[in-house]
Every structure is written in structure tokens, then in C-alpha cells.
Protein backbone atom coordinates (compact mmCIF):
# COMPACT_ATOMS: atom_id res chain seq x y z
CA UNK A 1 42.14 30.83 -206.55
CA UNK A 2 41.98 27.66 -204.24
CA UNK A 3 45.18 27.24 -202.34
CA UNK A 4 46.66 23.99 -200.65
CA UNK A 5 45.36 25.18 -197.20
CA UNK A 6 41.91 25.73 -198.21
CA UNK A 7 42.20 22.39 -200.97
CA UNK A 8 43.60 20.84 -197.49
CA UNK A 9 40.59 21.87 -195.25
CA UNK A 10 37.96 20.65 -197.50
CA UNK A 11 39.41 17.17 -198.23
CA UNK A 12 39.25 16.97 -194.31
CA UNK A 13 36.13 17.77 -194.22
CA UNK A 14 34.31 15.69 -197.22
CA UNK A 15 36.28 13.20 -194.91
CA UNK A 16 35.07 13.09 -192.06
CA UNK A 17 31.19 13.41 -193.58
CA UNK A 18 31.84 10.83 -195.28
CA UNK A 19 31.72 12.37 -198.17
CA UNK A 20 32.81 10.46 -201.67
CA UNK A 21 32.78 12.07 -204.67
CA UNK A 22 33.51 15.94 -202.92
CA UNK A 23 36.15 14.47 -201.73
CA UNK A 24 37.57 12.83 -205.35
CA UNK A 25 36.73 16.01 -206.96
CA UNK A 26 38.16 17.97 -203.99
CA UNK A 27 41.39 15.27 -204.52
CA UNK A 28 42.02 16.27 -208.58
CA UNK A 29 41.23 20.47 -207.59
CA UNK A 30 44.81 19.30 -205.53
CA UNK A 31 45.89 16.75 -208.44
CA UNK A 32 45.32 20.58 -210.50
CA UNK A 33 47.00 22.63 -207.89
CA UNK A 34 50.39 20.08 -207.96
CA UNK A 35 50.08 20.02 -211.41
CA UNK A 36 50.49 23.96 -211.86
CA UNK A 37 53.88 23.70 -209.67
CA UNK A 38 55.03 21.00 -211.44
CA UNK A 39 55.39 18.58 -208.32
CA UNK A 40 54.44 15.45 -210.80
CA UNK A 41 54.34 13.15 -207.66
CA UNK A 42 52.10 14.68 -205.43
CA UNK A 43 49.41 15.35 -208.52
CA UNK A 44 50.19 12.13 -209.20
CA UNK A 45 49.00 11.36 -205.79
CA UNK A 46 45.77 13.00 -205.72
CA UNK A 47 44.43 12.10 -209.23
CA UNK A 48 44.95 8.61 -208.31
CA UNK A 49 43.34 8.86 -205.05
CA UNK A 50 40.78 10.18 -206.84
CA UNK A 51 40.47 7.86 -209.48
CA UNK A 52 40.28 5.46 -206.82
CA UNK A 53 36.61 6.74 -205.70
CA UNK A 54 35.22 6.81 -209.19
CA UNK A 55 35.89 3.42 -209.84
CA UNK A 56 34.46 2.89 -206.35
CA UNK A 57 31.55 4.61 -207.33
CA UNK A 58 31.69 3.80 -210.93
CA UNK A 59 31.55 7.38 -212.05
CA UNK A 60 32.58 6.70 -215.15
CA UNK A 61 32.83 10.65 -217.30
CA UNK A 62 34.76 11.43 -213.95
CA UNK A 63 37.12 8.10 -214.22
CA UNK A 64 37.91 10.10 -218.10
CA UNK A 65 39.19 13.13 -216.74
CA UNK A 66 40.88 12.13 -214.70
CA UNK A 67 42.38 9.39 -216.62
CA UNK A 68 43.01 13.10 -219.04
CA UNK A 69 45.22 14.97 -216.35
CA UNK A 70 47.41 11.71 -215.18
CA UNK A 71 47.84 11.48 -218.79
CA UNK A 72 48.80 14.90 -218.28
CA UNK A 73 51.50 14.56 -215.51
CA UNK A 74 53.39 11.35 -217.66
CA UNK A 75 53.92 13.70 -220.90
CA UNK A 76 54.84 15.92 -218.52
CA UNK A 77 57.82 13.53 -217.37
CA UNK A 78 58.56 12.54 -220.11
CA UNK A 79 56.40 9.31 -219.91
CA UNK A 80 55.33 9.09 -223.19
CA UNK A 81 54.44 5.55 -223.15
CA UNK A 82 51.83 5.50 -220.09
CA UNK A 83 50.63 9.38 -221.07
CA UNK A 84 49.28 7.49 -224.11
CA UNK A 85 47.96 4.86 -222.15
CA UNK A 86 46.28 6.85 -219.63
CA UNK A 87 44.44 8.88 -223.12
CA UNK A 88 43.51 6.59 -224.28
CA UNK A 89 42.00 5.05 -221.56
CA UNK A 90 40.24 7.93 -220.81
CA UNK A 91 38.47 8.16 -224.68
CA UNK A 92 37.55 4.26 -224.09
CA UNK A 93 35.34 5.19 -221.88
CA UNK A 94 34.68 8.57 -223.40
CA UNK A 95 33.07 6.84 -226.34
CA UNK A 96 31.27 3.77 -223.52
CA UNK A 97 29.62 6.52 -222.32
CA UNK A 98 28.63 8.55 -225.27
């Protein structure tokens, strides 16, 4: 299992190399790490950053994946409508790229 230190090192490396897609993938892994630690704001922050990168690079499947995780973060914070909205948007994207 990756540690937060490992993830931060990877993130720094990808940022230095201007490797946005790997940066975004690392941010998702960080979001999952924080999700497991029940650090909801930090999870949402990492996931939202990855979502921006995926949108900028038109990575639709990754956007759907990230939105599903954001829905989970919202659900865990009892933000039911926000969670539903994230899940719905994820499903819309999945259906569009099917």
C-alpha cells in the first residue's frame, strides 16, 4: 500500500515533468487514501483537482470515475443531494462514452 509520502513524491515528480495525466491519477490515489482515513475535505480537494485535469484533457472515463468517488465523499458527509448529483453526472458520462 502506498503511503502519503510516496504519493506526495510521485505528485511532485509528475508536476515537475508536466505529466498532467499521471498527476491526476496520483491525485485520485491521494483522494482514495484520504477517503480511507475519513479526511473528507482533503479527499474532496484531491479528487476535485484531478477532475479539473481530466476535464482539461478530455478524459471522459476518468471524469466519470472521479465523479463517482466525489459522490462517495459527499455521501460520507451526509450531503445526500450532492452525492446523488455526482453519481448521476458520472452515469451520464458513462452512458455517453459507452
